[in-house]
Amino acid sequence: MKINYKILWLDDQIDAFSDDEFIEKIQKHLEDKGFSPDIQTVPKVSDFFERLDNSFDFILTDYNMSEMNGAQVIKAIREQSIFTEILFYTAQPQWEEIGRLERISFLQTKNVSGTTHHQQVIDKAINIIDLTIRKFQHIVAMRGMIMHEVSSLDAQMLEIVSTYLQNNDEDKQQPIINRVLKDLTRHHEEKLMESKKIQDNNRFDKIINDPLLFSSSQRASAIEAIINSIGIKNFINDFKEEIIKVRNDFAHAVLVKDLETGEEFFQNKNSRIAFNDEKCIAIRKNINKHKQNLDDLQSNINNQNIIPKT
């Protein structure tokens, strides 16, 4: 699962959910869980199948529609080898049985005082969303998500630096270049001194247990120089702590299982990395926060009155 949570929702009366702000409730729930929600609603079956692919994390569909009923929709989805979680709902007392199909939830809403059909659908949808999140919130899956999302931020930083250097004259380029070269020189001087000390003390184990940080820290340094040049709020210290450090902790940690309790956790050198629901939510929220910071910086650079290179 990635940081985006995509939902495709088919209902020929979808406006009723929109008008009562039920869709916003699901969006807010996903944001509180640290995701960036992408909820795509369609009133027509034809539009639904034009958008349908394997990128969606959750599908909702009403049973009673004019073009084709929900059972037919579900069969058509599975025939395309798409096995996304589906919520199939209706307010009607009767519907067609479609047999046992995996990853499908059925909801027949009931006349309960104080609870509408729409509210029951939303409550069930949120319950299933939480189940799908828990399925992918295993520590190994989370490490994969962190590696993927931070690599995307890393690539975006490189794009920002390249764009800034390409679109500005030498006077504006030089502080960025100087900052990167200074940081790069300092980094390798420190590593050289460390290597000499290790050699003198015959402590080769220090090298094995000291993973080097290459491009991420250097790109962050360049981004910081650009931020200072433009004169906007500096977020790089938080970025290094909340993104780069977290990625490095997980990247170089080993999955360990406690033989007594059966609990699984990551261990980095001699320290145990805390992992729970709150940690997962915090990581996702920080990724989204810094993605927005980089998007804002990129937009700032693209919109500024820059002097093209000659």
Protein backbone atom coordinates (compact mmCIF):
# COMPACT_ATOMS: atom_id res chain seq x y z
CA MET A 1 0.00 0.00 0.00
CA LYS A 2 1.26 3.44 -0.91
CA ILE A 3 0.65 6.78 0.79
CA ASN A 4 -2.28 7.43 -1.57
CA TYR A 5 -5.50 5.58 -0.77
CA LYS A 6 -7.63 5.30 -3.89
CA ILE A 7 -11.37 4.62 -3.87
CA LEU A 8 -13.62 4.08 -6.90
CA TRP A 9 -17.30 4.53 -6.06
CA LEU A 10 -20.20 3.65 -8.39
CA ASP A 11 -23.71 4.84 -7.53
CA ASP A 12 -26.23 6.39 -9.91
CA GLN A 13 -27.39 8.54 -6.98
CA ILE A 14 -23.94 9.44 -5.71
CA ASP A 15 -24.96 13.10 -5.31
CA ALA A 16 -26.97 12.13 -2.24
CA PHE A 17 -23.72 11.07 -0.53
CA SER A 18 -21.97 14.27 -1.68
CA ASP A 19 -24.76 16.61 -0.62
CA ASP A 20 -24.76 15.26 2.94
CA GLU A 21 -20.94 15.40 3.14
CA PHE A 22 -20.59 11.65 3.67
CA ILE A 23 -17.77 11.45 1.14
CA GLU A 24 -15.92 14.16 3.07
CA LYS A 25 -16.26 12.00 6.19
CA ILE A 26 -14.37 9.15 4.51
CA GLN A 27 -11.77 11.60 3.22
CA LYS A 28 -11.25 13.05 6.70
CA HIS A 29 -10.96 9.54 8.17
CA LEU A 30 -8.21 8.62 5.69
CA GLU A 31 -6.36 11.88 6.35
CA ASP A 32 -6.49 11.18 10.09
CA LYS A 33 -4.87 7.81 9.33
CA GLY A 34 -2.05 9.61 7.50
CA PHE A 35 -3.13 8.86 3.93
CA SER A 36 -3.63 11.12 0.94
CA PRO A 37 -7.17 10.17 -0.18
CA ASP A 38 -8.20 9.97 -3.83
CA ILE A 39 -11.96 9.28 -3.94
CA GLN A 40 -13.34 9.04 -7.46
CA THR A 41 -17.12 8.91 -7.74
CA VAL A 42 -19.03 7.93 -10.89
CA PRO A 43 -22.80 7.79 -11.53
CA LYS A 44 -22.58 5.69 -14.72
CA VAL A 45 -21.42 2.12 -15.20
CA SER A 46 -19.65 3.05 -18.44
CA ASP A 47 -17.60 5.73 -16.65
CA PHE A 48 -16.82 3.27 -13.88
CA PHE A 49 -15.28 0.70 -16.22
CA GLU A 50 -13.32 3.39 -18.08
CA ARG A 51 -11.55 4.28 -14.82
CA LEU A 52 -11.31 0.81 -13.31
CA ASP A 53 -7.83 -0.67 -12.94
CA ASN A 54 -5.69 -2.38 -10.30
CA SER A 55 -4.54 0.89 -8.72
CA PHE A 56 -7.60 1.23 -6.46
CA ASP A 57 -7.48 0.12 -2.82
CA PHE A 58 -11.25 -0.07 -2.34
CA ILE A 59 -14.37 -0.16 -4.53
CA LEU A 60 -17.94 0.68 -3.51
CA THR A 61 -20.96 -0.08 -5.65
CA ASP A 62 -24.71 0.15 -5.22
CA TYR A 63 -26.83 -2.83 -6.24
CA ASN A 64 -29.88 -1.06 -7.65
CA MET A 65 -28.78 0.85 -10.74
CA SER A 66 -30.53 1.41 -14.05
CA GLU A 67 -27.72 0.26 -16.39
CA MET A 68 -26.80 -3.01 -14.69
CA ASN A 69 -27.17 -4.32 -11.16
CA GLY A 70 -24.39 -4.58 -8.61
CA ALA A 71 -24.00 -8.35 -8.99
CA GLN A 72 -23.31 -7.93 -12.70
CA VAL A 73 -20.84 -5.12 -11.94
CA ILE A 74 -18.93 -7.30 -9.48
CA LYS A 75 -18.74 -10.22 -11.91
CA ALA A 76 -17.43 -7.87 -14.61
CA ILE A 77 -14.78 -6.53 -12.19
CA ARG A 78 -13.53 -10.01 -11.31
CA GLU A 79 -13.51 -11.06 -14.97
CA GLN A 80 -10.86 -8.34 -15.47
CA SER A 81 -8.69 -10.04 -12.80
CA ILE A 82 -9.11 -7.11 -10.43
CA PHE A 83 -9.31 -8.38 -6.85
CA THR A 84 -9.61 -5.10 -4.99
CA GLU A 85 -11.71 -5.07 -1.82
CA ILE A 86 -15.38 -4.34 -2.69
CA LEU A 87 -18.34 -3.13 -0.64
CA PHE A 88 -21.61 -4.11 -2.33
CA TYR A 89 -24.63 -2.37 -0.71
CA THR A 90 -28.39 -2.00 -1.10
CA ALA A 91 -31.38 -0.66 0.80
CA GLN A 92 -33.69 -3.18 -0.90
CA PRO A 93 -34.92 -6.36 0.88
CA GLN A 94 -34.03 -8.61 -2.07
CA TRP A 95 -31.00 -8.97 -4.25
CA GLU A 96 -29.41 -11.55 -6.49
CA GLU A 97 -27.08 -14.06 -4.87
CA ILE A 98 -23.75 -14.10 -6.72
CA GLY A 99 -22.07 -16.94 -4.88
CA ARG A 100 -18.92 -16.88 -2.82
CA LEU A 101 -16.37 -14.41 -4.11
CA GLU A 102 -13.29 -13.36 -2.17
CA ARG A 103 -12.74 -9.84 -0.82
CA ILE A 104 -16.38 -8.77 -1.18
CA SER A 105 -18.48 -7.38 1.67
CA PHE A 106 -22.27 -7.27 1.44
CA LEU A 107 -24.41 -4.69 3.21
CA GLN A 108 -28.19 -4.58 3.25
CA THR A 109 -29.07 -1.43 5.14
CA LYS A 110 -31.94 -1.56 7.60
CA ASN A 111 -34.53 0.88 8.87
CA VAL A 112 -32.93 1.81 12.16
CA SER A 113 -34.13 4.85 14.06
CA GLY A 114 -31.65 7.71 13.74
CA THR A 115 -29.48 5.91 11.15
CA THR A 116 -29.98 6.49 7.43
CA HIS A 117 -29.08 4.22 4.53
CA HIS A 118 -26.20 6.58 3.63
CA GLN A 119 -24.83 6.63 7.19
CA GLN A 120 -24.85 2.82 7.37
CA VAL A 121 -22.95 2.60 4.07
CA ILE A 122 -20.35 5.10 5.30
CA ASP A 123 -19.92 3.32 8.65
CA LYS A 124 -19.41 -0.01 6.88
CA ALA A 125 -17.03 1.54 4.34
CA ILE A 126 -14.88 3.05 7.11
CA ASN A 127 -14.82 -0.31 8.90
CA ILE A 128 -13.55 -2.05 5.75
CA ILE A 129 -11.00 0.71 5.08
CA ASP A 130 -9.58 0.17 8.56
CA LEU A 131 -9.35 -3.56 7.89
CA THR A 132 -7.49 -3.00 4.61
CA ILE A 133 -5.09 -0.63 6.37
CA ARG A 134 -4.38 -3.18 9.10
CA LYS A 135 -3.69 -5.86 6.48
CA PHE A 136 -0.91 -3.75 5.00
CA GLN A 137 0.34 -2.25 8.25
CA HIS A 138 2.66 -5.16 8.98
CA ILE A 139 6.15 -3.86 9.69
CA VAL A 140 7.62 -5.43 6.54
CA ALA A 141 4.93 -3.88 4.32
CA MET A 142 5.45 -0.53 6.06
CA ARG A 143 9.17 -0.67 5.35
CA GLY A 144 8.38 -1.19 1.68
CA MET A 145 6.01 1.79 1.70
CA ILE A 146 8.62 3.99 3.41
CA MET A 147 11.32 3.00 0.90
CA HIS A 148 9.03 3.71 -2.05
CA GLU A 149 7.66 7.05 -0.83
CA VAL A 150 11.00 8.42 0.38
CA SER A 151 12.62 7.43 -2.91
CA SER A 152 9.92 9.48 -4.64
CA LEU A 153 10.73 12.47 -2.43
CA ASP A 154 14.42 11.92 -3.16
CA ALA A 155 13.76 12.02 -6.91
CA GLN A 156 11.65 15.16 -6.49
CA MET A 157 14.47 16.90 -4.62
CA LEU A 158 16.84 16.12 -7.49
CA GLU A 159 14.30 17.50 -9.97
CA ILE A 160 13.93 20.72 -7.95
CA VAL A 161 17.70 21.24 -7.74
CA SER A 162 18.16 20.51 -11.47
CA THR A 163 15.34 22.88 -12.45
CA TYR A 164 16.67 25.66 -10.25
CA LEU A 165 20.20 25.35 -11.65
CA GLN A 166 19.03 25.13 -15.26
CA ASN A 167 16.78 28.16 -15.05
CA ASN A 168 18.97 30.58 -13.12
CA ASP A 169 22.10 32.48 -14.03
CA GLU A 170 25.56 31.87 -12.58
CA ASP A 171 25.14 34.33 -9.70
CA LYS A 172 22.16 32.37 -8.38
CA GLN A 173 23.68 28.99 -9.16
CA GLN A 174 26.95 29.54 -7.33
CA PRO A 175 25.65 29.57 -3.71
CA ILE A 176 23.88 26.27 -4.35
CA ILE A 177 26.97 24.70 -5.94
CA ASN A 178 29.20 26.01 -3.14
CA ARG A 179 26.87 24.62 -0.49
CA VAL A 180 26.79 21.15 -2.06
CA LEU A 181 30.56 21.00 -2.61
CA LYS A 182 31.22 22.21 0.94
CA ASP A 183 28.84 19.62 2.36
CA LEU A 184 30.29 16.88 0.15
CA THR A 185 33.87 17.77 1.13
CA ARG A 186 33.01 17.88 4.83
CA HIS A 187 31.19 14.55 4.58
CA HIS A 188 34.13 12.76 2.96
CA GLU A 189 36.71 14.44 5.21
CA GLU A 190 34.81 13.13 8.22
CA LYS A 191 34.63 9.66 6.70
CA LEU A 192 38.35 9.78 5.87
CA MET A 193 39.25 10.75 9.44
CA GLU A 194 36.94 8.03 10.72
CA SER A 195 38.54 5.47 8.41
CA LYS A 196 42.03 6.41 9.59
CA LYS A 197 40.96 6.11 13.21
CA ILE A 198 39.40 2.71 12.51
CA GLN A 199 42.58 1.62 10.75
CA ASP A 200 44.78 2.80 13.64
CA ASN A 201 42.60 1.00 16.17
CA ASN A 202 42.09 -2.08 14.00
CA ARG A 203 38.29 -1.74 14.31
CA PHE A 204 37.03 -2.94 10.95
CA ASP A 205 33.67 -3.80 12.57
CA LYS A 206 33.01 -0.04 12.75
CA ILE A 207 32.91 0.13 8.95
CA ILE A 208 30.45 -2.75 8.72
CA ASN A 209 28.09 -1.07 11.21
CA ASP A 210 28.28 2.43 9.71
CA PRO A 211 26.10 2.67 6.54
CA LEU A 212 27.12 5.71 4.48
CA LEU A 213 24.59 8.35 3.53
CA PHE A 214 25.07 9.43 -0.02
CA SER A 215 22.66 11.36 -2.22
CA SER A 216 19.76 12.00 0.17
CA SER A 217 21.68 14.18 2.62
CA GLN A 218 23.50 15.98 -0.19
CA ARG A 219 20.26 16.70 -2.03
CA ALA A 220 18.71 17.94 1.20
CA SER A 221 21.67 20.27 1.63
CA ALA A 222 21.12 21.68 -1.86
CA ILE A 223 17.41 22.13 -1.17
CA GLU A 224 18.26 24.03 2.01
CA ALA A 225 20.52 26.38 0.05
CA ILE A 226 17.71 27.00 -2.46
CA ILE A 227 15.25 27.67 0.38
CA ASN A 228 17.65 30.19 1.89
CA SER A 229 18.14 31.81 -1.51
CA ILE A 230 14.41 32.20 -2.09
CA GLY A 231 13.74 33.27 1.48
CA ILE A 232 10.97 30.86 2.52
CA LYS A 233 10.51 28.82 5.69
CA ASN A 234 13.25 26.22 6.12
CA PHE A 235 11.87 22.71 6.63
CA ILE A 236 15.05 20.73 5.95
CA ASN A 237 15.96 19.96 9.58
CA ASP A 238 12.51 18.42 10.06
CA PHE A 239 12.86 16.63 6.71
CA LYS A 240 16.15 15.05 7.76
CA GLU A 241 14.72 13.91 11.09
CA GLU A 242 11.25 12.83 9.95
CA ILE A 243 12.07 11.43 6.50
CA ILE A 244 15.74 10.63 5.90
CA LYS A 245 16.47 9.33 9.41
CA VAL A 246 13.32 7.20 9.47
CA ARG A 247 14.13 5.75 6.04
CA ASN A 248 17.70 4.98 7.07
CA ASP A 249 16.60 3.41 10.36
CA PHE A 250 14.24 1.05 8.56
CA ALA A 251 16.53 0.44 5.58
CA HIS A 252 19.40 -0.84 7.72
CA ALA A 253 17.35 -2.62 10.37
CA VAL A 254 16.82 -6.35 10.73
CA LEU A 255 13.46 -7.99 11.29
CA VAL A 256 13.55 -9.86 14.62
CA LYS A 257 10.97 -12.13 16.21
CA ASP A 258 10.68 -12.51 19.97
CA LEU A 259 10.61 -16.28 20.50
CA GLU A 260 8.69 -15.96 23.77
CA THR A 261 5.94 -13.55 22.74
CA GLY A 262 5.93 -14.05 18.95
CA GLU A 263 6.13 -10.26 18.49
CA GLU A 264 7.99 -9.02 15.40
CA PHE A 265 10.02 -5.83 15.42
CA PHE A 266 12.93 -4.13 13.65
CA GLN A 267 16.29 -3.82 15.35
CA ASN A 268 18.97 -1.38 14.23
CA LYS A 269 22.36 -2.09 15.80
CA ASN A 270 21.46 -2.38 19.48
CA SER A 271 18.28 -0.30 19.43
CA ARG A 272 14.74 -1.48 18.82
CA ILE A 273 12.58 0.56 16.45
CA ALA A 274 9.19 1.27 17.98
CA PHE A 275 6.35 0.15 15.71
CA ASN A 276 2.63 0.52 16.34
CA ASP A 277 -0.47 2.13 14.80
CA GLU A 278 0.53 5.58 16.05
CA LYS A 279 3.99 5.21 14.50
CA CYS A 280 2.46 4.20 11.15
CA ILE A 281 0.10 7.17 11.14
CA ALA A 282 2.89 9.59 12.10
CA ILE A 283 5.16 8.29 9.31
CA ARG A 284 2.43 8.65 6.69
CA LYS A 285 1.52 12.16 7.89
CA ASN A 286 5.17 13.27 7.79
CA ILE A 287 5.58 11.92 4.25
CA ASN A 288 2.48 13.83 3.15
CA LYS A 289 3.66 16.98 4.95
CA HIS A 290 7.05 17.01 3.29
CA LYS A 291 5.61 16.04 -0.10
CA GLN A 292 3.51 19.21 0.21
CA ASN A 293 6.61 21.21 1.28
CA LEU A 294 8.49 20.04 -1.82
CA ASP A 295 5.45 20.65 -4.05
CA ASP A 296 5.20 24.21 -2.69
CA LEU A 297 8.92 24.79 -3.23
CA GLN A 298 8.71 23.39 -6.76
CA SER A 299 5.74 25.64 -7.52
CA ASN A 300 7.60 28.63 -6.06
CA ILE A 301 10.58 27.97 -8.33
CA ASN A 302 8.41 27.44 -11.41
CA ASN A 303 6.49 30.65 -10.79
CA GLN A 304 9.35 32.98 -9.87
CA ASN A 305 10.81 35.48 -12.32
CA ILE A 306 13.98 33.59 -13.10
CA ILE A 307 16.81 34.57 -15.41
CA PRO A 308 17.45 31.90 -18.04
CA LYS A 309 20.96 30.57 -18.45
CA THR A 310 22.94 32.11 -21.28
